[in-house]
C-alpha atoms as a PDB file:
ATOM      1  CA  UNK A   1      17.300  37.110 -38.983  1.00  0.00           C
ATOM      2  CA  UNK A   2      16.736  35.115 -35.741  1.00  0.00           C
ATOM      3  CA  UNK A   3      13.023  34.428 -34.887  1.00  0.00           C
ATOM      4  CA  UNK A   4      12.817  33.834 -31.209  1.00  0.00           C
ATOM      5  CA  UNK A   5       9.767  31.586 -30.060  1.00  0.00           C
ATOM      6  CA  UNK A   6       8.213  33.191 -26.808  1.00  0.00           C
ATOM      7  CA  UNK A   7       8.352  31.367 -23.722  1.00  0.00           C
ATOM      8  CA  UNK A   8       4.750  29.903 -22.832  1.00  0.00           C
ATOM      9  CA  UNK A   9       3.175  31.814 -20.105  1.00  0.00           C
ATOM     10  CA  UNK A  10       3.175  30.552 -16.322  1.00  0.00           C
ATOM     11  CA  UNK A  11      -0.634  29.928 -16.673  1.00  0.00           C
ATOM     12  CA  UNK A  12       0.284  27.760 -20.067  1.00  0.00           C
ATOM     13  CA  UNK A  13       2.554  25.713 -18.127  1.00  0.00           C
ATOM     14  CA  UNK A  14       0.227  24.989 -15.358  1.00  0.00           C
ATOM     15  CA  UNK A  15      -2.473  23.751 -17.872  1.00  0.00           C
ATOM     16  CA  UNK A  16       0.322  21.546 -19.518  1.00  0.00           C
ATOM     17  CA  UNK A  17       1.134  20.134 -16.090  1.00  0.00           C
ATOM     18  CA  UNK A  18      -2.532  19.315 -15.110  1.00  0.00           C
ATOM     19  CA  UNK A  19      -2.971  17.649 -18.649  1.00  0.00           C
ATOM     20  CA  UNK A  20       0.283  15.734 -17.900  1.00  0.00           C
ATOM     21  CA  UNK A  21      -0.923  14.378 -14.652  1.00  0.00           C
ATOM     22  CA  UNK A  22      -4.164  13.564 -16.051  1.00  0.00           C
ATOM     23  CA  UNK A  23      -2.513  11.486 -18.784  1.00  0.00           C
ATOM     24  CA  UNK A  24      -0.267   9.996 -16.350  1.00  0.00           C
ATOM     25  CA  UNK A  25      -3.573   9.189 -13.849  1.00  0.00           C
ATOM     26  CA  UNK A  26      -5.210   7.484 -16.835  1.00  0.00           C
ATOM     27  CA  UNK A  27      -1.952   5.194 -17.617  1.00  0.00           C
ATOM     28  CA  UNK A  28      -1.675   4.174 -14.185  1.00  0.00           C
ATOM     29  CA  UNK A  29      -5.396   3.469 -13.639  1.00  0.00           C
ATOM     30  CA  UNK A  30      -5.019   1.242 -16.777  1.00  0.00           C
ATOM     31  CA  UNK A  31      -1.841  -0.445 -15.609  1.00  0.00           C
ATOM     32  CA  UNK A  32      -3.230  -0.787 -11.909  1.00  0.00           C
ATOM     33  CA  UNK A  33      -6.358  -2.802 -13.453  1.00  0.00           C
ATOM     34  CA  UNK A  34      -4.261  -5.156 -15.329  1.00  0.00           C
ATOM     35  CA  UNK A  35      -1.972  -5.763 -12.517  1.00  0.00           C
ATOM     36  CA  UNK A  36      -5.033  -6.391 -10.202  1.00  0.00           C
ATOM     37  CA  UNK A  37      -6.158  -8.954 -12.776  1.00  0.00           C
ATOM     38  CA  UNK A  38      -2.902 -10.435 -12.455  1.00  0.00           C
ATOM     39  CA  UNK A  39      -2.729 -10.742  -8.646  1.00  0.00           C
ATOM     40  CA  UNK A  40      -6.235 -12.189  -8.319  1.00  0.00           C
ATOM     41  CA  UNK A  41      -5.402 -14.957 -10.806  1.00  0.00           C
ATOM     42  CA  UNK A  42      -1.990 -15.795  -8.947  1.00  0.00           C
ATOM     43  CA  UNK A  43      -3.673 -15.343  -5.372  1.00  0.00           C
ATOM     44  CA  UNK A  44      -6.390 -17.900  -6.504  1.00  0.00           C
ATOM     45  CA  UNK A  45      -3.936 -20.257  -8.060  1.00  0.00           C
ATOM     46  CA  UNK A  46      -1.786 -20.113  -4.898  1.00  0.00           C
ATOM     47  CA  UNK A  47      -4.558 -20.756  -2.558  1.00  0.00           C
ATOM     48  CA  UNK A  48      -5.076 -24.419  -4.766  1.00  0.00           C
ATOM     49  CA  UNK A  49      -1.778 -25.396  -3.341  1.00  0.00           C
ATOM     50  CA  UNK A  50      -1.722 -27.802  -0.063  1.00  0.00           C
ATOM     51  CA  UNK A  51       1.134 -26.044   1.348  1.00  0.00           C
ATOM     52  CA  UNK A  52      -0.486 -22.588   1.091  1.00  0.00           C
ATOM     53  CA  UNK A  53      -3.786 -23.984   2.308  1.00  0.00           C
ATOM     54  CA  UNK A  54      -1.824 -25.465   5.506  1.00  0.00           C
ATOM     55  CA  UNK A  55      -0.423 -21.932   5.987  1.00  0.00           C
ATOM     56  CA  UNK A  56      -3.997 -20.239   5.913  1.00  0.00           C
ATOM     57  CA  UNK A  57      -5.209 -22.615   8.406  1.00  0.00           C
ATOM     58  CA  UNK A  58      -2.026 -22.018  10.885  1.00  0.00           C
ATOM     59  CA  UNK A  59      -2.546 -18.339  10.378  1.00  0.00           C
ATOM     60  CA  UNK A  60      -6.071 -17.278   9.861  1.00  0.00           C
ATOM     61  CA  UNK A  61      -5.244 -13.657   9.349  1.00  0.00           C
ATOM     62  CA  UNK A  62      -6.776 -12.702  12.797  1.00  0.00           C
ATOM     63  CA  UNK A  63      -5.356 -12.494  16.145  1.00  0.00           C
ATOM     64  CA  UNK A  64      -7.138 -12.728  19.426  1.00  0.00           C
ATOM     65  CA  UNK A  65      -6.939  -9.123  20.909  1.00  0.00           C
ATOM     66  CA  UNK A  66      -4.856  -8.341  23.773  1.00  0.00           C
ATOM     67  CA  UNK A  67      -6.429  -8.647  27.418  1.00  0.00           C
ATOM     68  CA  UNK A  68      -7.824  -5.579  28.272  1.00  0.00           C
ATOM     69  CA  UNK A  69      -8.407  -4.448  24.603  1.00  0.00           C
ATOM     70  CA  UNK A  70     -11.931  -2.443  24.342  1.00  0.00           C
ATOM     71  CA  UNK A  71     -14.510  -3.692  22.454  1.00  0.00           C
ATOM     72  CA  UNK A  72     -16.247  -1.325  20.163  1.00  0.00           C
ATOM     73  CA  UNK A  73     -15.451   2.036  18.509  1.00  0.00           C
ATOM     74  CA  UNK A  74     -16.141   5.472  20.500  1.00  0.00           C
ATOM     75  CA  UNK A  75     -17.844   8.216  19.093  1.00  0.00           C
ATOM     76  CA  UNK A  76     -14.865  10.527  19.414  1.00  0.00           C
ATOM     77  CA  UNK A  77     -13.035   8.086  16.917  1.00  0.00           C
ATOM     78  CA  UNK A  78     -16.025   9.136  14.457  1.00  0.00           C
ATOM     79  CA  UNK A  79     -15.289  12.545  14.899  1.00  0.00           C
ATOM     80  CA  UNK A  80     -11.696  11.964  14.239  1.00  0.00           C
ATOM     81  CA  UNK A  81     -12.343   9.976  11.152  1.00  0.00           C
ATOM     82  CA  UNK A  82     -14.248  12.673  10.012  1.00  0.00           C
ATOM     83  CA  UNK A  83     -11.964  15.552  10.674  1.00  0.00           C
ATOM     84  CA  UNK A  84      -8.968  13.596   9.451  1.00  0.00           C
ATOM     85  CA  UNK A  85     -10.659  13.091   6.212  1.00  0.00           C
ATOM     86  CA  UNK A  86     -11.938  16.551   5.585  1.00  0.00           C
ATOM     87  CA  UNK A  87      -8.116  18.137   6.286  1.00  0.00           C
ATOM     88  CA  UNK A  88      -6.813  15.560   4.094  1.00  0.00           C
ATOM     89  CA  UNK A  89      -8.914  16.063   1.163  1.00  0.00           C
ATOM     90  CA  UNK A  90      -8.037  19.714   1.306  1.00  0.00           C
ATOM     91  CA  UNK A  91      -4.527  18.817   1.921  1.00  0.00           C
ATOM     92  CA  UNK A  92      -4.051  16.688  -1.018  1.00  0.00           C
ATOM     93  CA  UNK A  93      -5.871  19.315  -3.231  1.00  0.00           C
ATOM     94  CA  UNK A  94      -3.467  22.531  -2.400  1.00  0.00           C
ATOM     95  CA  UNK A  95      -0.642  20.086  -2.659  1.00  0.00           C
ATOM     96  CA  UNK A  96      -1.481  19.195  -6.190  1.00  0.00           C
ATOM     97  CA  UNK A  97      -1.931  23.159  -6.850  1.00  0.00           C
ATOM     98  CA  UNK A  98       1.528  23.849  -5.376  1.00  0.00           C
ATOM     99  CA  UNK A  99       3.130  20.980  -7.357  1.00  0.00           C
ATOM    100  CA  UNK A 100       1.700  22.397 -10.471  1.00  0.00           C
ATOM    101  CA  UNK A 101       3.977  25.424 -10.081  1.00  0.00           C
ATOM    102  CA  UNK A 102       1.135  27.798 -11.408  1.00  0.00           C
ATOM    103  CA  UNK A 103       1.110  31.272 -10.207  1.00  0.00           C
ATOM    104  CA  UNK A 104      -0.910  31.915  -7.092  1.00  0.00           C
ATOM    105  CA  UNK A 105      -3.752  34.278  -7.338  1.00  0.00           C
ATOM    106  CA  UNK A 106      -2.544  36.175  -4.238  1.00  0.00           C
ATOM    107  CA  UNK A 107       0.160  36.645  -1.890  1.00  0.00           C
ATOM    108  CA  UNK A 108       0.133  36.692   1.651  1.00  0.00           C
ATOM    109  CA  UNK A 109       2.603  38.171   4.298  1.00  0.00           C
ATOM    110  CA  UNK A 110       2.264  37.822   7.999  1.00  0.00           C
ATOM    111  CA  UNK A 111       1.752  41.077  10.137  1.00  0.00           C
ATOM    112  CA  UNK A 112       4.677  41.038  12.225  1.00  0.00           C
ATOM    113  CA  UNK A 113       2.924  43.464  14.346  1.00  0.00           C
ATOM    114  CA  UNK A 114       0.896  40.669  16.211  1.00  0.00           C
ATOM    115  CA  UNK A 115       1.518  37.492  18.019  1.00  0.00           C
ATOM    116  CA  UNK A 116       4.023  35.718  17.104  1.00  0.00           C
ATOM    117  CA  UNK A 117       6.194  38.160  16.586  1.00  0.00           C
ATOM    118  CA  UNK A 118       9.622  37.331  15.072  1.00  0.00           C
ATOM    119  CA  UNK A 119      13.161  38.854  14.528  1.00  0.00           C
ATOM    120  CA  UNK A 120      13.548  38.169  10.933  1.00  0.00           C
ATOM    121  CA  UNK A 121      11.265  39.658   8.494  1.00  0.00           C
ATOM    122  CA  UNK A 122       7.890  37.700   7.506  1.00  0.00           C
ATOM    123  CA  UNK A 123       8.254  35.803   4.343  1.00  0.00           C
ATOM    124  CA  UNK A 124       5.821  36.318   1.617  1.00  0.00           C
ATOM    125  CA  UNK A 125       3.810  33.240   0.253  1.00  0.00           C
ATOM    126  CA  UNK A 126       1.303  32.524  -2.340  1.00  0.00           C
ATOM    127  CA  UNK A 127      -2.344  31.976  -1.044  1.00  0.00           C
ATOM    128  CA  UNK A 128      -2.204  28.225  -2.098  1.00  0.00           C
ATOM    129  CA  UNK A 129       0.619  27.561   0.525  1.00  0.00           C
ATOM    130  CA  UNK A 130      -1.024  29.649   3.053  1.00  0.00           C
ATOM    131  CA  UNK A 131      -3.887  27.730   3.074  1.00  0.00           C
ATOM    132  CA  UNK A 132      -2.046  24.303   2.464  1.00  0.00           C
ATOM    133  CA  UNK A 133      -0.032  25.460   5.894  1.00  0.00           C
ATOM    134  CA  UNK A 134      -3.118  26.166   7.433  1.00  0.00           C
ATOM    135  CA  UNK A 135      -4.798  22.960   6.731  1.00  0.00           C
ATOM    136  CA  UNK A 136      -1.465  21.185   7.742  1.00  0.00           C
ATOM    137  CA  UNK A 137      -1.624  22.741  11.281  1.00  0.00           C
ATOM    138  CA  UNK A 138      -5.394  21.649  11.799  1.00  0.00           C
ATOM    139  CA  UNK A 139      -4.137  18.084  10.609  1.00  0.00           C
ATOM    140  CA  UNK A 140      -1.639  17.898  13.080  1.00  0.00           C
ATOM    141  CA  UNK A 141      -3.731  19.180  15.943  1.00  0.00           C
ATOM    142  CA  UNK A 142      -6.430  16.916  15.235  1.00  0.00           C
ATOM    143  CA  UNK A 143      -3.599  13.965  15.221  1.00  0.00           C
ATOM    144  CA  UNK A 144      -2.209  14.955  18.293  1.00  0.00           C
ATOM    145  CA  UNK A 145      -5.793  14.935  19.801  1.00  0.00           C
ATOM    146  CA  UNK A 146      -6.417  11.454  18.258  1.00  0.00           C
ATOM    147  CA  UNK A 147      -3.126   9.953  19.688  1.00  0.00           C
ATOM    148  CA  UNK A 148      -3.827  11.453  23.260  1.00  0.00           C
ATOM    149  CA  UNK A 149      -7.296   9.729  23.393  1.00  0.00           C
ATOM    150  CA  UNK A 150      -6.048   6.715  21.717  1.00  0.00           C
ATOM    151  CA  UNK A 151      -3.893   6.159  24.626  1.00  0.00           C
ATOM    152  CA  UNK A 152      -5.781   7.473  27.283  1.00  0.00           C
ATOM    153  CA  UNK A 153      -8.830   5.012  26.471  1.00  0.00           C
ATOM    154  CA  UNK A 154      -6.905   1.892  25.436  1.00  0.00           C
ATOM    155  CA  UNK A 155      -7.829   2.022  22.177  1.00  0.00           C
ATOM    156  CA  UNK A 156      -4.260   1.989  20.925  1.00  0.00           C
ATOM    157  CA  UNK A 157      -4.400  -1.809  21.870  1.00  0.00           C
ATOM    158  CA  UNK A 158      -6.426  -2.287  18.442  1.00  0.00           C
ATOM    159  CA  UNK A 159      -4.106  -0.825  15.995  1.00  0.00           C
ATOM    160  CA  UNK A 160      -0.320  -0.949  17.713  1.00  0.00           C
ATOM    161  CA  UNK A 161       1.013  -4.874  17.106  1.00  0.00           C
ATOM    162  CA  UNK A 162       1.659  -6.704  20.370  1.00  0.00           C
ATOM    163  CA  UNK A 163       2.836 -10.263  18.971  1.00  0.00           C
ATOM    164  CA  UNK A 164       5.054 -11.054  16.121  1.00  0.00           C
ATOM    165  CA  UNK A 165       2.442 -13.433  14.849  1.00  0.00           C
ATOM    166  CA  UNK A 166       0.792 -10.088  13.216  1.00  0.00           C
ATOM    167  CA  UNK A 167       3.188 -10.620  10.489  1.00  0.00           C
ATOM    168  CA  UNK A 168       2.205 -13.813   9.126  1.00  0.00           C
ATOM    169  CA  UNK A 169      -1.435 -13.460   9.697  1.00  0.00           C
ATOM    170  CA  UNK A 170      -1.105 -10.147   7.765  1.00  0.00           C
ATOM    171  CA  UNK A 171       0.405 -12.002   4.937  1.00  0.00           C
ATOM    172  CA  UNK A 172      -2.552 -14.542   5.342  1.00  0.00           C
ATOM    173  CA  UNK A 173      -5.199 -11.619   5.254  1.00  0.00           C
ATOM    174  CA  UNK A 174      -3.665 -10.021   1.925  1.00  0.00           C
ATOM    175  CA  UNK A 175      -3.744 -13.412   0.192  1.00  0.00           C
ATOM    176  CA  UNK A 176      -7.082 -13.675   1.271  1.00  0.00           C
ATOM    177  CA  UNK A 177      -8.200 -10.185   0.273  1.00  0.00           C
ATOM    178  CA  UNK A 178      -6.320 -10.600  -3.357  1.00  0.00           C
ATOM    179  CA  UNK A 179      -8.030 -14.164  -3.911  1.00  0.00           C
ATOM    180  CA  UNK A 180     -11.260 -12.354  -3.106  1.00  0.00           C
ATOM    181  CA  UNK A 181     -12.217 -14.521  -0.468  1.00  0.00           C
ATOM    182  CA  UNK A 182     -12.228 -11.485   2.368  1.00  0.00           C
ATOM    183  CA  UNK A 183     -11.431 -12.490   5.992  1.00  0.00           C
ATOM    184  CA  UNK A 184     -14.266 -12.599   8.075  1.00  0.00           C
ATOM    185  CA  UNK A 185     -13.065 -10.725  11.296  1.00  0.00           C
ATOM    186  CA  UNK A 186     -15.592  -8.508  13.525  1.00  0.00           C
ATOM    187  CA  UNK A 187     -14.397  -4.926  13.341  1.00  0.00           C
ATOM    188  CA  UNK A 188     -16.244  -4.159  16.359  1.00  0.00           C
ATOM    189  CA  UNK A 189     -14.128  -6.469  18.272  1.00  0.00           C
ATOM    190  CA  UNK A 190     -10.605  -6.581  16.529  1.00  0.00           C
ATOM    191  CA  UNK A 191      -9.123  -5.771  13.267  1.00  0.00           C
ATOM    192  CA  UNK A 192      -7.840  -8.449  11.063  1.00  0.00           C
ATOM    193  CA  UNK A 193      -3.924  -8.155  11.178  1.00  0.00           C
ATOM    194  CA  UNK A 194      -3.321  -6.504   7.891  1.00  0.00           C
ATOM    195  CA  UNK A 195      -5.591  -3.582   8.772  1.00  0.00           C
ATOM    196  CA  UNK A 196      -3.703  -3.688  12.255  1.00  0.00           C
ATOM    197  CA  UNK A 197      -0.446  -3.054  10.444  1.00  0.00           C
ATOM    198  CA  UNK A 198      -1.967  -0.692   7.933  1.00  0.00           C
ATOM    199  CA  UNK A 199      -3.566   1.689  10.690  1.00  0.00           C
ATOM    200  CA  UNK A 200      -0.210   1.406  12.614  1.00  0.00           C
ATOM    201  CA  UNK A 201       1.807   2.506   9.441  1.00  0.00           C
ATOM    202  CA  UNK A 202      -0.322   5.278   8.813  1.00  0.00           C
ATOM    203  CA  UNK A 203      -0.706   6.446  12.431  1.00  0.00           C
ATOM    204  CA  UNK A 204       2.884   5.984  13.151  1.00  0.00           C
ATOM    205  CA  UNK A 205       5.094   6.141  10.435  1.00  0.00           C
ATOM    206  CA  UNK A 206       3.334   7.706   7.593  1.00  0.00           C
ATOM    207  CA  UNK A 207       2.041  10.617   9.355  1.00  0.00           C
ATOM    208  CA  UNK A 208       5.385  11.533  11.290  1.00  0.00           C
ATOM    209  CA  UNK A 209       7.290  11.605   7.919  1.00  0.00           C
ATOM    210  CA  UNK A 210       4.654  13.686   6.335  1.00  0.00           C
ATOM    211  CA  UNK A 211       4.715  16.246   9.345  1.00  0.00           C
ATOM    212  CA  UNK A 212       8.634  16.364   9.363  1.00  0.00           C
ATOM    213  CA  UNK A 213       8.915  16.546   5.973  1.00  0.00           C
ATOM    214  CA  UNK A 214       6.033  19.383   5.450  1.00  0.00           C
ATOM    215  CA  UNK A 215       7.740  21.103   8.252  1.00  0.00           C
ATOM    216  CA  UNK A 216      11.105  20.940   6.407  1.00  0.00           C
ATOM    217  CA  UNK A 217       9.479  22.190   3.465  1.00  0.00           C
ATOM    218  CA  UNK A 218       7.634  25.336   5.391  1.00  0.00           C
ATOM    219  CA  UNK A 219       8.523  29.053   6.052  1.00  0.00           C
ATOM    220  CA  UNK A 220       8.842  27.673   9.735  1.00  0.00           C
ATOM    221  CA  UNK A 221      12.233  25.831   9.190  1.00  0.00           C
ATOM    222  CA  UNK A 222      15.549  28.012   9.697  1.00  0.00           C
ATOM    223  CA  UNK A 223      17.102  29.292   6.509  1.00  0.00           C
ATOM    224  CA  UNK A 224      20.736  28.472   7.747  1.00  0.00           C
ATOM    225  CA  UNK A 225      22.222  26.418  10.610  1.00  0.00           C
ATOM    226  CA  UNK A 226      22.921  22.731  11.685  1.00  0.00           C
ATOM    227  CA  UNK A 227      19.331  21.639  10.953  1.00  0.00           C
ATOM    228  CA  UNK A 228      19.388  22.638   7.391  1.00  0.00           C
ATOM    229  CA  UNK A 229      22.407  20.469   6.726  1.00  0.00           C
ATOM    230  CA  UNK A 230      21.046  17.434   8.934  1.00  0.00           C
ATOM    231  CA  UNK A 231      17.854  17.553   6.888  1.00  0.00           C
ATOM    232  CA  UNK A 232      18.320  18.620   3.392  1.00  0.00           C
ATOM    233  CA  UNK A 233      15.652  20.337   1.435  1.00  0.00           C
ATOM    234  CA  UNK A 234      15.759  17.939  -1.236  1.00  0.00           C
ATOM    235  CA  UNK A 235      15.604  14.750   1.080  1.00  0.00           C
ATOM    236  CA  UNK A 236      12.134  16.037   2.283  1.00  0.00           C
ATOM    237  CA  UNK A 237      10.949  16.717  -1.288  1.00  0.00           C
ATOM    238  CA  UNK A 238      11.831  13.164  -2.160  1.00  0.00           C
ATOM    239  CA  UNK A 239       9.691  11.748   0.696  1.00  0.00           C
ATOM    240  CA  UNK A 240       6.979  14.552   0.996  1.00  0.00           C
ATOM    241  CA  UNK A 241       5.200  13.774  -2.337  1.00  0.00           C
ATOM    242  CA  UNK A 242       5.629   9.835  -2.198  1.00  0.00           C
ATOM    243  CA  UNK A 243       4.093   9.945   1.288  1.00  0.00           C
ATOM    244  CA  UNK A 244       1.111  11.719  -0.037  1.00  0.00           C
ATOM    245  CA  UNK A 245       0.848   9.156  -2.754  1.00  0.00           C
ATOM    246  CA  UNK A 246       0.645   6.218   0.028  1.00  0.00           C
ATOM    247  CA  UNK A 247      -1.891   8.209   1.905  1.00  0.00           C
ATOM    248  CA  UNK A 248      -3.942   8.436  -1.440  1.00  0.00           C
ATOM    249  CA  UNK A 249      -3.522   4.694  -1.966  1.00  0.00           C
ATOM    250  CA  UNK A 250      -4.672   3.855   1.712  1.00  0.00           C
ATOM    251  CA  UNK A 251      -7.553   5.962   1.513  1.00  0.00           C
ATOM    252  CA  UNK A 252      -8.784   4.464  -2.080  1.00  0.00           C
ATOM    253  CA  UNK A 253      -8.309   0.782  -0.667  1.00  0.00           C
ATOM    254  CA  UNK A 254      -9.764   1.591   2.612  1.00  0.00           C
ATOM    255  CA  UNK A 255     -13.100   3.032   0.887  1.00  0.00           C
ATOM    256  CA  UNK A 256     -13.191  -0.003  -1.561  1.00  0.00           C
ATOM    257  CA  UNK A 257     -13.118  -2.595   1.318  1.00  0.00           C
ATOM    258  CA  UNK A 258     -15.451  -0.826   3.235  1.00  0.00           C
ATOM    259  CA  UNK A 259     -18.040  -0.630   0.580  1.00  0.00           C
ATOM    260  CA  UNK A 260     -17.461  -4.279  -0.493  1.00  0.00           C
ATOM    261  CA  UNK A 261     -17.480  -6.091   2.987  1.00  0.00           C
ATOM    262  CA  UNK A 262     -20.622  -4.928   4.436  1.00  0.00           C
ATOM    263  CA  UNK A 263     -20.971  -1.239   3.816  1.00  0.00           C
ATOM    264  CA  UNK A 264     -24.069  -0.284   6.270  1.00  0.00           C
ATOM    265  CA  UNK A 265     -22.115  -2.080   9.117  1.00  0.00           C
ATOM    266  CA  UNK A 266     -18.869  -0.682   8.429  1.00  0.00           C
ATOM    267  CA  UNK A 267     -20.381   2.661   8.093  1.00  0.00           C
ATOM    268  CA  UNK A 268     -22.360   2.517  11.468  1.00  0.00           C
ATOM    269  CA  UNK A 269     -19.268   1.367  13.238  1.00  0.00           C
ATOM    270  CA  UNK A 270     -17.037   4.410  11.803  1.00  0.00           C
ATOM    271  CA  UNK A 271     -19.424   7.173  11.895  1.00  0.00           C
ATOM    272  CA  UNK A 272     -22.166   6.555  14.437  1.00  0.00           C
ATOM    273  CA  UNK A 273     -20.247   4.067  17.279  1.00  0.00           C
ATOM    274  CA  UNK A 274     -23.099   1.669  16.553  1.00  0.00           C
ATOM    275  CA  UNK A 275     -22.770  -2.010  15.744  1.00  0.00           C
ATOM    276  CA  UNK A 276     -25.771  -2.447  13.503  1.00  0.00           C
ATOM    277  CA  UNK A 277     -26.948  -2.520  10.072  1.00  0.00           C
ATOM    278  CA  UNK A 278     -29.310   0.233   9.772  1.00  0.00           C
ATOM    279  CA  UNK A 279     -29.006   3.222   7.772  1.00  0.00           C
ATOM    280  CA  UNK A 280     -27.529   5.782  10.562  1.00  0.00           C
ATOM    281  CA  UNK A 281     -23.799   5.738   9.801  1.00  0.00           C
ATOM    282  CA  UNK A 282     -24.804   5.776   6.171  1.00  0.00           C
ATOM    283  CA  UNK A 283     -26.745   8.930   6.495  1.00  0.00           C
ATOM    284  CA  UNK A 284     -23.851  10.708   8.816  1.00  0.00           C
ATOM    285  CA  UNK A 285     -21.388   9.431   6.142  1.00  0.00           C
ATOM    286  CA  UNK A 286     -23.149  11.149   3.569  1.00  0.00           C
ATOM    287  CA  UNK A 287     -23.573  14.327   5.361  1.00  0.00           C
ATOM    288  CA  UNK A 288     -19.995  14.386   5.983  1.00  0.00           C
ATOM    289  CA  UNK A 289     -19.406  13.826   2.168  1.00  0.00           C
ATOM    290  CA  UNK A 290     -21.632  16.646   1.439  1.00  0.00           C
ATOM    291  CA  UNK A 291     -19.440  18.938   4.209  1.00  0.00           C
ATOM    292  CA  UNK A 292     -16.342  18.051   2.205  1.00  0.00           C
ATOM    293  CA  UNK A 293     -17.721  18.864  -1.130  1.00  0.00           C
ATOM    294  CA  UNK A 294     -18.988  22.145   0.051  1.00  0.00           C
ATOM    295  CA  UNK A 295     -15.431  22.875   1.461  1.00  0.00           C
ATOM    296  CA  UNK A 296     -13.998  22.037  -1.814  1.00  0.00           C
ATOM    297  CA  UNK A 297     -16.158  24.526  -3.845  1.00  0.00           C
ATOM    298  CA  UNK A 298     -15.960  27.322  -1.344  1.00  0.00           C
ATOM    299  CA  UNK A 299     -11.970  27.039  -1.077  1.00  0.00           C
ATOM    300  CA  UNK A 300     -11.604  29.378  -4.009  1.00  0.00           C
ATOM    301  CA  UNK A 301      -9.076  32.259  -4.259  1.00  0.00           C
ATOM    302  CA  UNK A 302     -11.588  35.132  -3.465  1.00  0.00           C
ATOM    303  CA  UNK A 303     -12.666  33.654  -0.013  1.00  0.00           C
ATOM    304  CA  UNK A 304      -9.062  32.500   0.787  1.00  0.00           C
ATOM    305  CA  UNK A 305      -7.805  35.851   0.412  1.00  0.00           C
ATOM    306  CA  UNK A 306     -10.755  37.577   2.678  1.00  0.00           C
ATOM    307  CA  UNK A 307      -9.852  34.900   5.540  1.00  0.00           C
ATOM    308  CA  UNK A 308      -5.771  35.679   5.032  1.00  0.00           C
ATOM    309  CA  UNK A 309      -6.329  39.225   5.203  1.00  0.00           C
ATOM    310  CA  UNK A 310      -7.333  38.647   8.800  1.00  0.00           C
ATOM    311  CA  UNK A 311      -3.791  37.820   9.591  1.00  0.00           C
ATOM    312  CA  UNK A 312      -1.494  39.349   7.411  1.00  0.00           C
ATOM    313  CA  UNK A 313      -1.241  41.694   3.818  1.00  0.00           C
ATOM    314  CA  UNK A 314      -2.853  40.142   0.763  1.00  0.00           C
ATOM    315  CA  UNK A 315      -1.604  41.284  -2.464  1.00  0.00           C
ATOM    316  CA  UNK A 316      -2.673  40.215  -6.122  1.00  0.00           C
END
């Protein structure tokens, strides 16, 4: 007599996936802490070497801003910062929900009698994927507005390198951070070279990769034709998830540095367009975090299905 072991349900497999993710996260935290200690010790040793000190003297980590660079951070940049954080938080959440492969609590099918109408039948998708795609659309729209304002106001000069000396200066700034002896730039006037390169990569490299690969994995991409062959789905998947992890790493480092290098001043600059050390920026930041927490709590299947029903048919 053959005894067959019942296959675990989709919910059980999803629960096991989340447990595995938590174990991996704890493992990576432990490894990262060990590596951080090693990096700090090595960086502090390097700074005792005369050649390294000469390098730091020649490249202090900060370049004078190009002529015509605007001074200060405008209010629109603060709003962009909040919206970007808001959408990114929920995008990452839905991204992990999709990767867990748990059965969606409902399915949505677009109403093809409304605009935009398409020749082929609409595809059915899970509620989490529907929400993920809408968040992507808002994040991209916010990014387009940001780039337009960036070039319209001259703020691009703050984050786009215009001198190859930014490279050795960025290495210098990285060594200073690693040795826990922070660079002493005034962010209201100019970013240090490592910040400049990081912002440039986020805006002009990582974001386009996230958009293109996300579009390739979405239902908007053709099912057949030259575009499918030119950009295989497997390649898009291999790039999309690591790009998300890069965003998470950037956000983590960004938040840590803001909180450890003059939090009140930095939060005022980022959220209140003020170069002061009062509590206005912190208050705006705290309110923005509260809004993100509320959105996180409310973004549950019952509410999502009611919203999705306004543009299509919801099942489940």
